[in-house]
Protein backbone atom coordinates (compact mmCIF):
# COMPACT_ATOMS: atom_id res chain seq x y z
CA MET A 1 106.19 102.66 128.55
CA VAL A 2 103.33 100.60 127.78
CA ALA A 3 101.04 100.29 124.19
CA GLN A 4 98.15 102.21 123.75
CA PRO A 5 95.20 100.22 123.12
CA PRO A 6 93.54 99.97 119.72
CA ILE A 7 91.35 102.06 118.51
CA GLU A 8 88.10 100.20 117.68
CA GLY A 9 88.78 98.96 113.79
CA ASN A 10 92.40 98.42 114.21
CA LEU A 11 92.83 95.59 116.39
CA ASP A 12 93.55 93.85 113.79
CA CYS A 13 96.96 95.09 113.98
CA TRP A 14 98.59 92.49 116.46
CA ALA A 15 97.84 89.46 113.86
CA ARG A 16 99.85 91.55 111.34
CA PRO A 17 103.80 90.44 110.76
CA PHE A 18 106.14 93.38 110.19
CA HIS A 19 107.20 94.80 106.67
CA SER A 20 110.27 93.63 105.59
CA GLU A 21 112.26 96.77 103.63
CA LEU A 22 115.56 95.22 101.35
CA CYS A 23 119.06 97.10 102.22
CA PHE A 24 120.95 97.33 98.65
CA ASP A 25 124.66 96.63 98.81
CA ILE A 26 124.79 99.93 97.51
CA ALA A 27 128.51 99.96 96.95
CA THR A 28 128.78 96.92 94.96
CA PHE A 29 125.41 97.52 93.00
CA ARG A 30 127.21 101.35 91.59
CA LEU A 31 130.39 99.43 89.90
CA GLN A 32 127.64 97.38 87.69
CA SER A 33 127.92 99.21 84.74
CA GLU A 34 123.57 98.54 83.53
CA LEU A 35 122.84 100.48 86.21
CA VAL A 36 125.14 103.65 85.79
CA ASP A 37 121.63 105.37 84.47
CA SER A 38 119.29 103.86 87.19
CA PHE A 39 121.82 105.81 90.05
CA HIS A 40 121.40 109.14 88.18
CA LEU A 41 117.91 108.94 88.17
CA LEU A 42 118.13 108.28 91.76
CA HIS A 43 119.98 110.79 92.67
CA ARG A 44 118.52 113.64 90.48
CA TYR A 45 115.10 112.14 92.67
CA ARG A 46 117.23 112.01 95.97
CA MET A 47 116.72 108.27 96.95
CA GLU A 48 120.27 106.89 97.29
CA HIS A 49 119.57 106.36 100.49
CA LEU A 50 116.37 104.58 100.46
CA LEU A 51 118.32 102.09 99.27
CA THR A 52 119.65 101.60 102.90
CA PRO A 53 117.13 102.26 105.47
CA ARG A 54 118.35 101.91 108.96
CA ASP A 55 119.26 98.38 110.15
CA PHE A 56 116.70 98.73 113.25
CA PHE A 57 113.16 100.11 114.10
CA TYR A 58 110.51 100.43 117.57
CA PRO A 59 108.13 97.77 117.05
CA ARG A 60 106.15 99.07 119.75
CA VAL A 61 106.16 102.43 118.36
CA ALA A 62 105.66 101.46 115.18
CA MET A 63 102.86 98.87 116.74
CA ASP A 64 101.05 101.95 118.55
CA LEU A 65 100.86 104.35 115.28
CA TYR A 66 99.33 101.41 112.97
CA GLN A 67 96.65 100.59 116.37
CA SER A 68 95.63 104.34 116.72
CA MET A 69 95.60 105.64 113.19
CA THR A 70 92.74 107.34 111.57
CA THR A 71 91.36 109.49 108.92
CA ASN A 72 87.81 109.11 110.45
CA GLN A 73 86.23 112.56 111.36
CA VAL A 74 89.21 114.42 110.13
CA ARG A 75 89.02 117.28 108.01
CA ASP A 76 91.81 117.09 105.46
CA PRO A 77 91.41 113.40 104.09
CA THR A 78 95.19 113.55 103.43
CA LEU A 79 96.51 113.68 107.24
CA ILE A 80 97.47 110.65 109.67
CA HIS A 81 96.04 110.90 112.92
CA PHE A 82 97.46 109.23 115.63
CA THR A 83 98.47 108.60 119.62
CA ILE A 84 101.69 107.73 121.03
CA ASP A 85 102.63 107.58 124.01
CA GLY A 86 99.36 109.40 125.41
CA ARG A 87 99.93 112.26 122.38
CA HIS A 88 98.12 112.85 120.08
CA GLY A 89 100.46 113.47 116.58
CA ILE A 90 99.43 114.29 113.02
CA LEU A 91 101.65 112.57 109.69
CA GLU A 92 101.69 114.45 106.86
CA ALA A 93 103.51 113.97 103.53
CA ARG A 94 105.74 117.54 104.51
CA HIS A 95 106.81 114.99 107.69
CA ILE A 96 107.96 112.33 105.68
CA ALA A 97 109.94 114.90 103.29
CA GLU A 98 111.43 116.95 106.40
CA ALA A 99 112.38 113.70 107.86
CA LEU A 100 113.88 111.87 105.01
CA HIS A 101 115.49 115.01 103.82
CA ILE A 102 114.21 115.37 100.68
CA PRO A 103 112.76 117.98 98.46
CA TYR A 104 109.41 118.91 99.18
CA GLU A 105 108.89 121.04 95.90
CA PRO A 106 111.54 121.27 93.21
CA ALA A 107 113.86 124.06 94.01
CA ARG A 108 113.99 125.18 90.40
CA LEU A 109 110.97 124.35 88.54
CA LYS A 110 112.94 124.80 85.49
CA ASP A 111 114.39 121.21 86.11
CA TYR A 112 111.75 119.69 86.32
CA ARG A 113 109.04 118.83 83.27
CA VAL A 114 105.44 120.84 83.43
CA TRP A 115 103.00 118.17 84.45
CA THR A 116 99.92 117.35 82.80
CA HIS A 117 97.86 115.01 84.12
CA LEU A 118 97.81 112.13 81.75
CA ALA A 119 95.28 108.88 81.75
CA GLN A 120 97.11 105.35 82.98
CA LEU A 121 96.43 104.00 79.48
CA GLU A 122 99.05 107.17 77.97
CA MET A 123 101.55 106.73 81.06
CA ALA A 124 101.78 103.13 79.65
CA HIS A 125 102.36 103.37 75.60
CA ILE A 126 104.44 106.12 76.41
CA LEU A 127 106.67 104.29 79.49
CA SER A 128 106.80 101.37 77.48
CA ARG A 129 107.92 103.38 74.11
CA GLY A 130 105.05 102.45 72.23
CA THR A 131 104.64 98.88 72.77
CA SER A 132 101.82 98.98 75.66
CA THR A 133 98.48 98.97 75.34
CA ASN A 134 96.56 98.42 78.18
CA PRO A 135 95.85 100.44 81.11
CA TYR A 136 98.73 99.46 83.34
CA LEU A 137 102.06 98.30 82.65
CA LEU A 138 104.31 95.34 82.93
CA ARG A 139 107.41 94.50 84.35
CA LYS A 140 108.94 93.70 80.81
CA GLU A 141 107.92 96.78 79.24
CA LEU A 142 109.84 98.94 81.44
CA PRO A 143 113.03 100.91 79.96
CA PRO A 144 115.63 99.09 81.40
CA SER A 145 117.22 102.31 83.15
CA MET A 146 113.63 101.33 85.63
CA PHE A 147 113.90 97.89 86.47
CA PHE A 148 116.47 98.55 89.62
CA ILE A 149 114.30 102.01 90.26
CA ASP A 150 110.70 99.58 90.32
CA ALA A 151 112.71 97.64 93.02
CA LEU A 152 113.45 100.18 95.19
CA LEU A 153 110.20 101.14 95.20
CA ARG A 154 108.12 98.33 94.87
CA HIS A 155 109.98 96.79 98.25
CA ASN A 156 110.79 100.03 100.21
CA ILE A 157 108.99 102.45 99.32
CA TYR A 158 105.27 101.34 98.04
CA PRO A 159 105.46 97.25 98.89
CA LEU A 160 101.42 97.24 97.97
CA GLN A 161 101.80 96.36 94.29
CA HIS A 162 101.23 93.49 91.99
CA TRP A 163 104.77 91.06 90.68
CA VAL A 164 103.77 91.61 87.05
CA GLN A 165 102.12 94.76 86.94
CA LYS A 166 102.48 98.26 86.88
CA ARG A 167 99.40 100.50 87.62
CA GLY A 168 97.99 103.31 89.73
CA VAL A 169 100.05 105.52 91.24
CA LEU A 170 103.23 103.43 91.34
CA LEU A 171 102.55 103.87 87.17
CA GLU A 172 102.71 107.36 87.99
CA ALA A 173 105.86 107.21 90.18
CA LEU A 174 107.85 105.60 87.30
CA PHE A 175 106.47 107.50 84.81
CA LYS A 176 107.12 111.00 86.09
CA ILE A 177 110.88 109.52 86.99
CA SER A 178 111.65 107.95 83.88
CA GLU A 179 110.31 111.11 81.91
CA GLY A 180 111.54 113.81 84.20
CA TYR A 181 108.79 114.65 85.91
CA PHE A 182 109.54 116.25 89.79
CA PHE A 183 108.57 112.99 91.93
CA GLY A 184 108.92 113.23 95.46
CA PRO A 185 108.63 109.94 97.44
CA HIS A 186 107.04 111.25 99.88
CA HIS A 187 103.96 111.59 98.36
CA LEU A 188 103.66 107.56 97.56
CA ILE A 189 104.84 106.52 101.28
CA MET A 190 102.13 109.14 102.28
CA ALA A 191 99.60 107.24 99.64
CA ALA A 192 100.90 103.35 101.25
CA LEU A 193 99.47 104.67 104.65
CA LEU A 194 96.56 105.77 103.71
CA TYR A 195 95.87 103.20 100.91
CA PHE A 196 96.23 100.72 104.49
CA GLU A 197 93.65 102.48 106.74
CA GLU A 198 91.34 103.09 104.20
CA LYS A 199 91.79 98.99 102.92
CA VAL A 200 92.83 97.27 106.68
CA HIS A 201 90.93 99.81 109.02
CA ARG A 202 88.04 101.32 107.14
CA LYS A 203 86.90 98.34 104.33
CA LYS A 204 88.11 95.40 106.47
CA LEU A 205 88.56 93.88 103.16
CA LEU A 206 89.83 89.69 102.92
CA ARG A 207 91.61 90.40 100.74
CA ALA A 208 94.07 92.37 102.33
CA ASP A 209 94.99 90.83 105.44
CA ALA A 210 98.03 89.96 103.78
CA ILE A 211 99.08 93.00 103.89
CA PRO A 212 101.88 93.53 106.57
CA LEU A 213 102.70 96.92 108.64
CA LEU A 214 104.57 98.19 106.43
CA PHE A 215 107.71 99.63 106.62
CA PRO A 216 108.60 100.05 110.18
CA ARG A 217 112.22 101.17 109.57
CA LEU A 218 111.63 103.86 107.49
CA LEU A 219 108.65 104.96 109.39
CA CYS A 220 110.72 104.63 112.71
CA GLN A 221 112.77 107.02 111.32
CA ILE A 222 109.94 109.67 110.75
CA LEU A 223 108.28 109.50 113.99
CA GLU A 224 111.87 109.98 115.58
CA HIS A 225 112.01 113.07 113.75
CA LEU A 226 108.32 113.61 114.76
CA GLY A 227 109.58 112.93 118.84
CA TYR A 228 108.54 109.57 119.21
CA PRO A 229 109.67 107.84 121.18
CA SER A 230 109.91 110.80 123.62
CA ASP A 231 112.87 109.22 124.53
CA PRO A 232 114.73 107.00 121.60
CA GLN A 233 117.43 105.37 124.32
CA LEU A 234 115.48 103.35 126.42
CA GLU A 235 113.09 102.30 123.80
CA ARG A 236 113.29 98.31 122.81
CA ARG A 237 114.48 98.35 118.85
CA ARG A 238 114.16 95.13 116.53
CA ILE A 239 117.87 94.70 114.43
CA CYS A 240 117.43 94.10 110.88
CA GLN A 241 120.72 93.39 109.74
CA GLU A 242 119.92 91.12 106.21
CA VAL A 243 121.50 92.87 102.87
CA PHE A 244 120.53 92.49 99.37
CA THR A 245 123.29 91.51 97.46
CA LEU A 246 124.63 91.29 94.09
CA ASP A 247 123.80 88.22 93.57
CA LYS A 248 120.18 87.89 94.79
CA TRP A 249 118.93 90.27 92.49
CA THR A 250 121.03 88.75 89.73
CA ASN A 251 118.81 85.66 90.62
CA MET A 252 116.12 87.53 90.26
CA THR A 253 116.19 89.41 87.43
CA ALA A 254 117.53 86.06 85.68
CA TYR A 255 114.54 83.82 86.61
CA ARG A 256 112.21 87.09 85.34
CA VAL A 257 113.66 87.04 82.19
CA GLU A 258 112.96 83.37 81.82
CA HIS A 259 109.53 84.15 82.81
CA PRO A 260 108.63 87.39 82.01
CA GLU A 261 104.69 87.40 83.11
CA LEU A 262 102.39 84.94 84.74
CA PRO A 263 98.84 85.72 83.89
CA GLN A 264 96.81 88.46 85.71
CA PRO A 265 92.91 88.49 86.35
CA GLN A 266 92.41 91.79 84.17
CA GLN A 267 89.56 93.50 87.42
CA PRO A 268 88.27 97.04 87.31
CA GLU A 269 89.86 99.52 89.56
CA ASP A 270 86.49 100.21 92.07
CA PRO A 271 83.55 97.76 91.65
CA GLN A 272 80.71 97.83 93.95
CA PRO A 273 81.23 95.16 96.59
CA ALA A 274 77.85 93.26 96.62
CA GLU A 275 75.94 93.04 100.36
CA ILE A 276 78.08 89.74 102.57
CA PRO A 277 76.64 89.17 105.80
CA ALA A 278 79.58 90.15 108.07
CA ALA A 279 80.36 87.02 109.34
CA ARG A 280 81.50 85.88 105.99
CA ARG A 281 82.32 89.03 104.87
CA ALA A 282 84.83 88.35 101.65
CA SER A 283 84.34 91.52 99.61
CA THR A 284 84.84 91.10 95.81
CA GLU A 285 86.64 94.36 95.63
CA PRO A 286 89.93 93.81 94.29
CA ILE A 287 92.73 95.77 95.58
CA PRO A 288 93.73 97.89 92.79
CA GLU A 289 97.81 97.99 93.70
CA GLY A 290 97.88 94.45 94.19
CA ILE A 291 99.29 92.72 97.65
CA PRO A 292 102.48 93.12 99.69
CA THR A 293 106.12 92.12 97.73
CA ALA A 294 107.48 89.09 97.44
CA PHE A 295 110.44 89.65 100.29
CA PRO A 296 109.14 87.60 104.01
CA ALA A 297 107.78 89.43 106.72
CA THR A 298 109.93 90.39 109.45
CA HIS A 299 108.67 87.53 111.65
CA SER A 300 107.26 84.89 109.02
CA THR A 301 107.34 81.33 109.37
CA PRO A 302 109.28 79.74 107.47
CA LEU A 303 108.70 77.41 104.76
CA VAL A 304 108.52 73.74 105.11
CA ILE A 305 109.12 71.75 101.59
CA PRO A 306 107.93 68.01 101.64
CA ALA A 307 110.19 65.45 100.25
CA ALA A 308 108.67 63.94 97.28
CA SER A 309 107.31 60.51 97.09
CA LYS A 310 109.34 59.34 94.23
CA PRO A 311 112.79 60.74 92.31
CA SER A 312 111.54 63.23 89.11
CA THR A 313 112.20 60.75 85.97
CA SER A 314 112.35 64.00 84.19
CA THR A 315 115.68 64.41 81.90
CA GLU A 316 114.52 68.22 82.53
CA PRO A 317 118.11 70.30 84.41
CA GLU A 318 116.99 70.66 87.82
CA MET A 319 117.11 74.38 88.74
CA ALA A 320 117.99 75.94 91.66
CA ILE A 321 115.53 78.91 93.51
CA PRO A 322 116.49 81.10 95.49
CA LEU A 323 114.30 80.95 99.01
CA SER A 324 113.07 84.38 98.29
CA GLU A 325 112.15 83.70 94.76
CA TYR A 326 110.17 80.96 96.05
CA ARG A 327 108.40 82.64 98.72
CA ASP A 328 107.40 84.80 95.51
CA LEU A 329 105.84 82.17 93.47
CA CYS A 330 104.14 80.73 97.36
CA HIS A 331 102.36 84.67 96.96
CA ILE A 332 101.34 84.58 93.55
CA LEU A 333 100.04 81.38 93.95
CA GLN A 334 98.40 82.70 96.99
CA THR A 335 97.23 85.59 95.07
CA LEU A 336 95.56 83.67 91.47
CA THR A 337 93.81 81.13 94.30
CA MET A 338 91.99 84.29 95.86
CA THR A 339 91.05 86.19 92.20
CA GLN A 340 89.72 82.65 91.11
CA SER A 341 87.96 81.87 94.51
CA SER A 342 86.36 85.85 94.49
CA LEU A 343 85.45 85.86 90.42
CA ALA A 344 83.79 81.87 90.79
């Protein structure tokens, strides 16, 4: 089997790493008393199995999807067309729901509140229990039962969000889950793919260069349900065995309690970018939902930290930061640097 030639505009996929989804140590997390409410919500919304994505994906198949996906000249903009193994395919939210065994629509409408459209400002205000006055939500303002769910959504389902701020479709998803409205993760997964297609393939924003090829394990499970690849037993697999343990979760949450937020420049959702020559295009249009999450891509280069030239004279105690947290901070620093450059 030979990889499909990319369509015009999708050539940059080869330079992007694959996003690395988290596989939670679910047996241990279930025993934590502070997560009882979180697991109740995960069960209610059929998302428990998304904590443990399968431990492999098909790199060629995932790459073919990203190289051939398009919404150009498509009558329904919520559908993604693609070509794998010479066969044309169409991906929509219903296919994702079927592949992941998630209800596409609620079986009993009376089990959920009736949804009425709310502004971002209203959702943030309600979800923060009246403390937020912004059209986005800071992580520290989330109800305690939503911390764990936020981690799942942000790392495995919609990895296009700021570390601190919750806005856009992710804020709406957290709001619906917390307040008892129907929510289907298949719509959020589809939103992530459509966002990738718009910002990376169609608009080619330089600020979107940090976005990896999203959730390959989840995506290949969906594509296999649709019949791609045609013979999975012969397809080369990439194995992913790292488990997100309780210790990692404790270190992550403890560090973020001590450092609850970093300053984020307030940006409009959809400003009009200025015309800039293609050779040096660096659009001022922000990425409303943020950048990829802190956890590394599957083949990112390990970070090398140079030794200090002089021993520290500080009397403050040293603090060990997990490698994942160090990478997280590096991503945040990169984001702030890029933002300051674009605003300069």
